Amino acid sequence: MLNNVLSSFLLALLSSHLLSVNGANHDVTLSGLSYSPNHLDSVAAGDTITFMASGGSHTATQSSLVNPCVHATGGFDSGTLNSGQTYQITVNDTNPIWVYCMMPGHCRSGMVFAINAGDQLTQFQQAATGGSTGSSTGSAGSAGSTASAGSTSSSQAPTDPYSSPNAGRTTVGDVSVLAIGLTAVLFGGLFAL
């Protein structure tokens, strides 16, 4: 009986660990001259952000608070995304991440996005539309994210088979199959007693 209780506890522990390995995914739509939503708060390390182009050509390019319309040194850049294409980053920590669209005129028109900006969101938005231009490249500091490109368009599928948004990640389906298999083994052991 103690073996069954211990096995059930280990199964529950394993399942909860596997579910927490993949953070949450947050979808952000790029359309017109905006990101929707224009910011996300309380994004945890391990969460992913999927940028989805919905109309026109856009980018998701990392910048800095001080130079919101300048590509940050070492920061991510989606390249041009056309309607239907996606780009995904994984957040590595809870520091703010500043993003803009580098298509001509978009950033200065307010097409900016922030992750975990806290009380600095308004400052970032105002600097993008009317202030701080920088001729030098801003610094990403703690880059805060890793990126992978993907596409829902058949004309621009990722060339690297491992760059898929779910490559190397345990999905809820994987956990379900694992849980069902372990449950069958546990109950099989119970019936053998």
Protein backbone atom coordinates (compact mmCIF):
# COMPACT_ATOMS: atom_id res chain seq x y z
CA MET A 1 0.00 0.00 0.00
CA LEU A 2 2.84 2.39 0.85
CA ASN A 3 4.35 1.72 -2.59
CA ASN A 4 1.09 2.76 -4.25
CA VAL A 5 0.86 5.99 -2.26
CA LEU A 6 4.51 6.78 -3.02
CA SER A 7 4.00 5.99 -6.71
CA SER A 8 0.93 8.24 -6.88
CA PHE A 9 2.83 11.06 -5.20
CA LEU A 10 5.75 10.71 -7.63
CA LEU A 11 3.35 10.67 -10.60
CA ALA A 12 1.67 13.87 -9.40
CA LEU A 13 5.04 15.53 -8.80
CA LEU A 14 6.35 14.53 -12.23
CA SER A 15 3.21 15.72 -14.00
CA SER A 16 3.24 19.11 -12.27
CA HIS A 17 6.95 19.57 -13.07
CA LEU A 18 6.47 18.75 -16.74
CA LEU A 19 3.54 21.15 -16.99
CA SER A 20 5.59 23.98 -15.48
CA VAL A 21 8.62 23.44 -17.75
CA ASN A 22 6.86 25.19 -20.63
CA GLY A 23 5.82 28.63 -19.57
CA ALA A 24 2.67 30.23 -20.87
CA ASN A 25 2.42 31.49 -24.44
CA HIS A 26 1.26 35.04 -25.08
CA ASP A 27 0.02 36.00 -28.55
CA VAL A 28 0.66 39.51 -29.87
CA THR A 29 -0.86 40.66 -33.18
CA LEU A 30 0.97 43.13 -35.44
CA SER A 31 -1.54 45.03 -37.56
CA GLY A 32 -1.89 48.56 -38.86
CA LEU A 33 0.42 50.67 -36.71
CA SER A 34 0.05 48.74 -33.47
CA TYR A 35 0.86 45.66 -31.47
CA SER A 36 -2.18 44.18 -29.79
CA PRO A 37 -1.90 44.10 -26.88
CA ASN A 38 0.72 46.87 -26.69
CA HIS A 39 2.25 45.48 -23.50
CA LEU A 40 2.27 42.42 -21.29
CA ASP A 41 2.91 42.48 -17.56
CA SER A 42 3.76 39.63 -15.20
CA VAL A 43 5.46 37.60 -17.93
CA ALA A 44 7.55 34.90 -16.27
CA ALA A 45 10.88 33.42 -17.24
CA GLY A 46 10.16 30.54 -19.61
CA ASP A 47 7.05 32.15 -21.11
CA THR A 48 6.94 32.61 -24.87
CA ILE A 49 5.67 35.54 -26.88
CA THR A 50 4.38 34.78 -30.36
CA PHE A 51 4.24 37.79 -32.66
CA MET A 52 1.67 37.27 -35.46
CA ALA A 53 1.55 39.59 -38.47
CA SER A 54 -2.04 40.23 -39.44
CA GLY A 55 -1.88 42.98 -42.01
CA GLY A 56 0.93 44.66 -43.88
CA SER A 57 4.63 44.16 -43.26
CA HIS A 58 6.01 44.53 -39.74
CA THR A 59 8.90 43.52 -37.49
CA ALA A 60 9.34 42.64 -33.84
CA THR A 61 12.73 44.18 -33.05
CA GLN A 62 14.26 44.56 -29.61
CA SER A 63 15.21 48.08 -28.57
CA SER A 64 15.85 49.88 -25.30
CA LEU A 65 13.94 52.26 -23.05
CA VAL A 66 16.26 55.13 -23.94
CA ASN A 67 16.28 54.50 -27.73
CA PRO A 68 12.94 52.88 -28.50
CA CYS A 69 13.29 53.10 -32.30
CA VAL A 70 16.85 51.75 -32.54
CA HIS A 71 17.75 48.05 -32.75
CA ALA A 72 19.50 47.12 -29.51
CA THR A 73 22.95 45.56 -29.84
CA GLY A 74 22.50 41.82 -29.39
CA GLY A 75 18.72 42.14 -29.37
CA PHE A 76 16.36 39.98 -31.39
CA ASP A 77 14.90 40.98 -34.75
CA SER A 78 12.19 39.05 -36.54
CA GLY A 79 13.04 40.43 -39.95
CA THR A 80 10.07 41.44 -42.08
CA LEU A 81 6.90 39.54 -41.21
CA ASN A 82 4.11 39.53 -43.75
CA SER A 83 0.49 38.65 -43.01
CA GLY A 84 0.20 35.14 -41.58
CA GLN A 85 3.83 34.85 -40.51
CA THR A 86 4.91 34.45 -36.90
CA TYR A 87 8.01 35.01 -34.80
CA GLN A 88 8.48 33.66 -31.29
CA ILE A 89 10.74 34.60 -28.41
CA THR A 90 11.27 32.89 -25.08
CA VAL A 91 11.57 35.19 -22.10
CA ASN A 92 14.65 34.35 -20.01
CA ASP A 93 13.99 36.60 -16.99
CA THR A 94 11.50 39.16 -15.70
CA ASN A 95 13.45 42.27 -16.75
CA PRO A 96 11.66 44.67 -19.11
CA ILE A 97 11.94 43.92 -22.84
CA TRP A 98 11.33 46.79 -25.27
CA VAL A 99 10.16 46.07 -28.83
CA TYR A 100 9.39 48.21 -31.88
CA CYS A 101 8.50 47.84 -35.55
CA MET A 102 11.43 48.96 -37.71
CA MET A 103 9.38 49.45 -40.87
CA PRO A 104 9.78 53.09 -42.00
CA GLY A 105 7.63 55.42 -39.90
CA HIS A 106 5.99 52.70 -37.78
CA CYS A 107 7.90 53.23 -34.51
CA ARG A 108 7.57 57.02 -34.65
CA SER A 109 3.84 56.49 -35.18
CA GLY A 110 3.71 54.60 -31.88
CA MET A 111 4.15 50.99 -32.98
CA VAL A 112 5.96 49.81 -29.87
CA PHE A 113 5.47 46.93 -27.44
CA ALA A 114 6.81 46.18 -23.96
CA ILE A 115 7.13 43.16 -21.70
CA ASN A 116 7.21 43.71 -17.93
CA ALA A 117 7.55 47.48 -18.39
CA GLY A 118 5.96 48.36 -15.07
CA ASP A 119 5.65 52.12 -14.60
CA GLN A 120 8.01 52.83 -17.54
CA LEU A 121 5.51 52.01 -20.32
CA THR A 122 4.35 55.61 -20.82
CA GLN A 123 7.94 56.87 -20.89
CA PHE A 124 8.80 54.28 -23.57
CA GLN A 125 5.76 55.16 -25.69
CA GLN A 126 6.43 58.90 -25.46
CA ALA A 127 10.10 58.48 -26.35
CA ALA A 128 9.09 56.49 -29.44
CA THR A 129 6.64 59.06 -30.76
CA GLY A 130 8.35 62.29 -29.95
CA GLY A 131 11.60 62.09 -28.24
CA SER A 132 14.70 60.16 -27.98
CA THR A 133 16.24 59.39 -31.31
CA GLY A 134 19.57 57.71 -31.27
CA SER A 135 22.11 57.51 -34.00
CA SER A 136 24.03 54.85 -32.13
CA THR A 137 22.73 51.38 -31.54
CA GLY A 138 21.12 50.92 -28.15
CA SER A 139 22.19 48.13 -25.84
CA ALA A 140 19.93 45.24 -24.99
CA GLY A 141 21.67 44.92 -21.64
CA SER A 142 20.28 41.69 -20.29
CA ALA A 143 18.80 40.48 -23.55
CA GLY A 144 16.00 38.81 -21.62
CA SER A 145 14.91 36.52 -24.42
CA THR A 146 15.84 34.02 -27.05
CA ALA A 147 14.08 33.90 -30.37
CA SER A 148 12.98 31.49 -33.04
CA ALA A 149 11.25 32.26 -36.30
CA GLY A 150 8.28 30.41 -37.63
CA SER A 151 5.64 30.90 -40.22
CA THR A 152 2.14 29.79 -40.96
CA SER A 153 2.74 30.64 -44.58
CA SER A 154 3.79 27.72 -46.77
CA SER A 155 5.97 30.02 -48.84
CA GLN A 156 8.25 30.82 -45.92
CA ALA A 157 8.50 27.78 -43.67
CA PRO A 158 11.45 27.69 -41.27
CA THR A 159 14.54 26.21 -42.89
CA ASP A 160 15.76 24.73 -39.61
CA PRO A 161 13.52 21.84 -38.52
CA TYR A 162 14.41 22.59 -34.89
CA SER A 163 13.18 26.20 -35.00
CA SER A 164 9.54 25.20 -34.76
CA PRO A 165 7.81 26.85 -31.75
CA ASN A 166 7.34 23.43 -30.03
CA ALA A 167 10.70 21.85 -30.97
CA GLY A 168 12.39 20.44 -27.91
CA ARG A 169 9.48 21.37 -25.65
CA THR A 170 7.21 19.09 -23.70
CA THR A 171 3.61 19.81 -24.61
CA VAL A 172 0.45 19.20 -22.63
CA GLY A 173 -0.27 16.30 -25.01
CA ASP A 174 3.11 14.75 -24.15
CA VAL A 175 2.33 15.06 -20.44
CA SER A 176 -1.12 13.50 -20.96
CA VAL A 177 0.36 10.49 -22.72
CA LEU A 178 2.99 10.14 -20.00
CA ALA A 179 0.37 10.44 -17.24
CA ILE A 180 -1.89 7.85 -18.87
CA GLY A 181 1.04 5.46 -19.28
CA LEU A 182 2.18 5.87 -15.69
CA THR A 183 -1.38 5.54 -14.41
CA ALA A 184 -1.76 2.27 -16.32
CA VAL A 185 1.47 0.97 -14.77
CA LEU A 186 0.34 2.02 -11.27
CA PHE A 187 -3.12 0.49 -11.60
CA GLY A 188 -1.63 -2.61 -13.17
CA GLY A 189 0.52 -2.95 -10.04
CA LEU A 190 -2.54 -2.50 -7.81
CA PHE A 191 -4.47 -5.24 -9.55
CA ALA A 192 -1.48 -7.57 -9.36
CA LEU A 193 -1.63 -7.37 -5.54
